[in-house]
Amino acid sequence: MNKLKEWMHLASPSDLETLADLADTTPGALRQLAGGYKTDGKPRASAEMARRIEQASENMHPRLPIIHREDLCPACAGCEFAKAYRK
């Protein structure tokens, strides 16, 4: 299970709406991303969308876990700067 889907299992419907509002997207878009819509179950957000979701989830922490951009975006997962930042 991917990190966004795990987050959604812990969150309430109002938490999902809050995350969507903070990330400037919709709950439906987050559900599709978590379900890996058209991507074999793997989230494939753009780097910008992944950044917005990460920042939004930071605002909801510590009650809910932070969703890191590397877990949502293949480009971020391979980025040397993102890897160095997490060390």
N, C-alpha and C. Protein backbone atom coordinates (compact mmCIF):
# COMPACT_ATOMS: atom_id res chain seq x y z
N MET A 1 0.85 -1.18 0.00
CA MET A 1 0.00 0.00 0.00
C MET A 1 0.90 1.24 0.00
N ASN A 2 0.57 2.21 -0.84
CA ASN A 2 1.39 3.41 -0.91
C ASN A 2 1.09 4.35 0.26
N LYS A 3 1.98 5.31 0.47
CA LYS A 3 1.91 6.19 1.65
C LYS A 3 0.65 7.06 1.65
N LEU A 4 0.22 7.52 0.51
CA LEU A 4 -0.99 8.35 0.48
C LEU A 4 -2.21 7.50 0.84
N LYS A 5 -2.26 6.29 0.35
CA LYS A 5 -3.38 5.40 0.69
C LYS A 5 -3.36 5.07 2.18
N GLU A 6 -2.18 4.83 2.74
CA GLU A 6 -2.06 4.59 4.18
C GLU A 6 -2.58 5.81 4.96
N TRP A 7 -2.18 7.00 4.53
CA TRP A 7 -2.62 8.23 5.18
C TRP A 7 -4.15 8.32 5.15
N MET A 8 -4.73 8.00 4.00
CA MET A 8 -6.18 8.10 3.85
C MET A 8 -6.92 7.12 4.76
N HIS A 9 -6.32 5.98 5.05
CA HIS A 9 -6.95 5.02 5.97
C HIS A 9 -6.98 5.56 7.39
N LEU A 10 -6.02 6.41 7.73
CA LEU A 10 -5.96 7.00 9.07
C LEU A 10 -6.81 8.26 9.20
N ALA A 11 -7.07 8.90 8.07
CA ALA A 11 -7.74 10.20 8.06
C ALA A 11 -9.26 10.06 7.99
N SER A 12 -9.92 11.10 8.48
CA SER A 12 -11.37 11.18 8.36
C SER A 12 -11.72 11.84 7.02
N PRO A 13 -12.97 11.77 6.59
CA PRO A 13 -13.36 12.47 5.36
C PRO A 13 -13.07 13.97 5.43
N SER A 14 -13.25 14.57 6.60
CA SER A 14 -12.96 16.00 6.70
C SER A 14 -11.45 16.27 6.62
N ASP A 15 -10.63 15.32 7.11
CA ASP A 15 -9.18 15.45 6.97
C ASP A 15 -8.79 15.44 5.49
N LEU A 16 -9.42 14.57 4.72
CA LEU A 16 -9.14 14.49 3.29
C LEU A 16 -9.51 15.80 2.60
N GLU A 17 -10.64 16.36 2.97
CA GLU A 17 -11.04 17.66 2.41
C GLU A 17 -10.05 18.75 2.78
N THR A 18 -9.59 18.73 4.03
CA THR A 18 -8.60 19.72 4.46
C THR A 18 -7.31 19.58 3.69
N LEU A 19 -6.83 18.34 3.54
CA LEU A 19 -5.60 18.12 2.77
C LEU A 19 -5.77 18.62 1.35
N ALA A 20 -6.90 18.32 0.74
CA ALA A 20 -7.16 18.76 -0.63
C ALA A 20 -7.17 20.28 -0.72
N ASP A 21 -7.83 20.94 0.22
CA ASP A 21 -7.87 22.40 0.21
C ASP A 21 -6.47 22.99 0.36
N LEU A 22 -5.71 22.46 1.32
CA LEU A 22 -4.36 22.98 1.56
C LEU A 22 -3.42 22.72 0.38
N ALA A 23 -3.65 21.62 -0.33
CA ALA A 23 -2.80 21.26 -1.47
C ALA A 23 -3.32 21.82 -2.79
N ASP A 24 -4.40 22.58 -2.73
CA ASP A 24 -4.99 23.19 -3.91
C ASP A 24 -5.37 22.14 -4.96
N THR A 25 -6.09 21.12 -4.48
CA THR A 25 -6.60 20.07 -5.36
C THR A 25 -7.95 19.62 -4.83
N THR A 26 -8.43 18.48 -5.30
CA THR A 26 -9.73 17.99 -4.85
C THR A 26 -9.58 16.64 -4.15
N PRO A 27 -10.54 16.29 -3.29
CA PRO A 27 -10.48 14.95 -2.68
C PRO A 27 -10.49 13.84 -3.74
N GLY A 28 -11.23 14.03 -4.81
CA GLY A 28 -11.28 13.04 -5.87
C GLY A 28 -9.92 12.83 -6.53
N ALA A 29 -9.20 13.91 -6.76
CA ALA A 29 -7.86 13.80 -7.35
C ALA A 29 -6.93 13.06 -6.40
N LEU A 30 -7.05 13.31 -5.11
CA LEU A 30 -6.23 12.61 -4.13
C LEU A 30 -6.58 11.12 -4.09
N ARG A 31 -7.87 10.81 -4.19
CA ARG A 31 -8.28 9.40 -4.21
C ARG A 31 -7.70 8.69 -5.44
N GLN A 32 -7.77 9.35 -6.59
CA GLN A 32 -7.22 8.75 -7.81
C GLN A 32 -5.71 8.56 -7.68
N LEU A 33 -5.04 9.53 -7.12
CA LEU A 33 -3.59 9.43 -6.93
C LEU A 33 -3.26 8.29 -5.96
N ALA A 34 -4.00 8.19 -4.87
CA ALA A 34 -3.76 7.13 -3.88
C ALA A 34 -4.04 5.75 -4.48
N GLY A 35 -5.02 5.67 -5.34
CA GLY A 35 -5.37 4.39 -5.96
C GLY A 35 -4.49 4.02 -7.12
N GLY A 36 -3.60 4.93 -7.49
CA GLY A 36 -2.72 4.65 -8.62
C GLY A 36 -3.48 4.58 -9.92
N TYR A 37 -4.44 5.49 -10.09
CA TYR A 37 -5.27 5.52 -11.29
C TYR A 37 -4.40 5.51 -12.54
N LYS A 38 -4.56 4.48 -13.36
CA LYS A 38 -3.84 4.29 -14.61
C LYS A 38 -2.32 4.12 -14.42
N THR A 39 -1.87 3.77 -13.21
CA THR A 39 -0.43 3.62 -12.98
C THR A 39 -0.10 2.36 -12.19
N ASP A 40 -0.90 1.34 -12.33
CA ASP A 40 -0.66 0.05 -11.66
C ASP A 40 -0.54 0.17 -10.15
N GLY A 41 -1.32 1.07 -9.55
CA GLY A 41 -1.34 1.20 -8.10
C GLY A 41 -0.25 2.06 -7.51
N LYS A 42 0.58 2.63 -8.34
CA LYS A 42 1.67 3.47 -7.85
C LYS A 42 1.32 4.94 -8.10
N PRO A 43 1.41 5.78 -7.05
CA PRO A 43 1.10 7.18 -7.26
C PRO A 43 2.12 7.84 -8.20
N ARG A 44 1.63 8.67 -9.08
CA ARG A 44 2.50 9.37 -10.04
C ARG A 44 2.08 10.83 -10.12
N ALA A 45 2.36 11.56 -9.07
CA ALA A 45 2.05 12.98 -9.05
C ALA A 45 3.17 13.75 -9.73
N SER A 46 2.84 14.93 -10.22
CA SER A 46 3.89 15.82 -10.71
C SER A 46 4.71 16.28 -9.51
N ALA A 47 5.89 16.79 -9.77
CA ALA A 47 6.74 17.29 -8.67
C ALA A 47 6.03 18.42 -7.93
N GLU A 48 5.34 19.28 -8.65
CA GLU A 48 4.62 20.39 -8.01
C GLU A 48 3.47 19.89 -7.14
N MET A 49 2.70 18.94 -7.63
CA MET A 49 1.61 18.39 -6.84
C MET A 49 2.15 17.67 -5.61
N ALA A 50 3.22 16.92 -5.78
CA ALA A 50 3.82 16.21 -4.64
C ALA A 50 4.31 17.20 -3.59
N ARG A 51 4.88 18.30 -4.01
CA ARG A 51 5.33 19.34 -3.08
C ARG A 51 4.16 19.91 -2.30
N ARG A 52 3.08 20.21 -3.01
CA ARG A 52 1.90 20.79 -2.34
C ARG A 52 1.28 19.82 -1.35
N ILE A 53 1.22 18.55 -1.71
CA ILE A 53 0.66 17.54 -0.81
C ILE A 53 1.56 17.38 0.42
N GLU A 54 2.86 17.35 0.20
CA GLU A 54 3.79 17.24 1.34
C GLU A 54 3.62 18.41 2.29
N GLN A 55 3.59 19.62 1.76
CA GLN A 55 3.43 20.80 2.62
C GLN A 55 2.09 20.81 3.33
N ALA A 56 1.04 20.38 2.66
CA ALA A 56 -0.28 20.32 3.28
C ALA A 56 -0.28 19.29 4.41
N SER A 57 0.34 18.13 4.18
CA SER A 57 0.36 17.11 5.22
C SER A 57 1.22 17.54 6.41
N GLU A 58 2.24 18.35 6.17
CA GLU A 58 3.04 18.88 7.28
C GLU A 58 2.17 19.74 8.20
N ASN A 59 1.22 20.45 7.63
CA ASN A 59 0.32 21.28 8.44
C ASN A 59 -0.63 20.45 9.29
N MET A 60 -0.82 19.20 8.94
CA MET A 60 -1.74 18.32 9.67
C MET A 60 -1.00 17.38 10.63
N HIS A 61 0.30 17.46 10.63
CA HIS A 61 1.15 16.65 11.50
C HIS A 61 1.18 17.30 12.88
N PRO A 62 1.22 16.63 13.99
CA PRO A 62 1.55 15.24 14.22
C PRO A 62 0.35 14.30 14.30
N ARG A 63 -0.86 14.84 14.20
CA ARG A 63 -2.04 13.97 14.29
C ARG A 63 -2.06 12.94 13.17
N LEU A 64 -1.65 13.34 12.00
CA LEU A 64 -1.56 12.45 10.84
C LEU A 64 -0.13 12.50 10.31
N PRO A 65 0.35 11.42 9.71
CA PRO A 65 1.74 11.39 9.23
C PRO A 65 1.96 12.33 8.04
N ILE A 66 3.21 12.70 7.88
CA ILE A 66 3.61 13.52 6.73
C ILE A 66 3.73 12.61 5.51
N ILE A 67 3.22 13.07 4.39
CA ILE A 67 3.34 12.34 3.13
C ILE A 67 4.50 13.00 2.38
N HIS A 68 5.60 12.31 2.24
CA HIS A 68 6.77 12.89 1.58
C HIS A 68 6.62 12.86 0.07
N ARG A 69 7.14 13.89 -0.56
CA ARG A 69 7.02 14.02 -2.02
C ARG A 69 7.66 12.85 -2.76
N GLU A 70 8.70 12.27 -2.18
CA GLU A 70 9.35 11.13 -2.83
C GLU A 70 8.43 9.92 -2.93
N ASP A 71 7.43 9.86 -2.07
CA ASP A 71 6.48 8.75 -2.10
C ASP A 71 5.39 8.95 -3.15
N LEU A 72 5.32 10.13 -3.72
CA LEU A 72 4.25 10.46 -4.67
C LEU A 72 4.74 10.68 -6.09
N CYS A 73 5.99 11.05 -6.23
CA CYS A 73 6.50 11.48 -7.54
C CYS A 73 7.79 10.73 -7.89
N PRO A 74 7.80 9.99 -8.98
CA PRO A 74 9.02 9.27 -9.37
C PRO A 74 10.22 10.19 -9.56
N ALA A 75 10.02 11.39 -10.09
CA ALA A 75 11.14 12.31 -10.29
C ALA A 75 11.73 12.74 -8.94
N CYS A 76 10.87 12.98 -7.96
CA CYS A 76 11.35 13.36 -6.63
C CYS A 76 12.06 12.19 -5.95
N ALA A 77 11.56 10.98 -6.19
CA ALA A 77 12.17 9.79 -5.58
C ALA A 77 13.60 9.59 -6.08
N GLY A 78 13.88 10.02 -7.30
CA GLY A 78 15.22 9.86 -7.85
C GLY A 78 16.10 11.09 -7.71
N CYS A 79 15.60 12.13 -7.09
CA CYS A 79 16.32 13.40 -6.99
C CYS A 79 17.39 13.34 -5.90
N GLU A 80 18.61 13.66 -6.27
CA GLU A 80 19.71 13.63 -5.30
C GLU A 80 19.51 14.65 -4.19
N PHE A 81 18.89 15.78 -4.48
CA PHE A 81 18.66 16.80 -3.47
C PHE A 81 17.62 16.34 -2.45
N ALA A 82 16.58 15.69 -2.92
CA ALA A 82 15.55 15.17 -2.01
C ALA A 82 16.14 14.09 -1.11
N LYS A 83 16.99 13.22 -1.67
CA LYS A 83 17.62 12.17 -0.87
C LYS A 83 18.53 12.77 0.19
N ALA A 84 19.29 13.79 -0.18
CA ALA A 84 20.22 14.42 0.76
C ALA A 84 19.43 15.14 1.86
N TYR A 85 18.31 15.73 1.53
CA TYR A 85 17.49 16.47 2.50
C TYR A 85 16.92 15.53 3.56
N ARG A 86 16.56 14.31 3.19
CA ARG A 86 15.95 13.36 4.12
C ARG A 86 16.95 12.70 5.05
N LYS A 87 18.26 12.81 4.74
CA LYS A 87 19.28 12.15 5.58
C LYS A 87 19.42 12.82 6.91
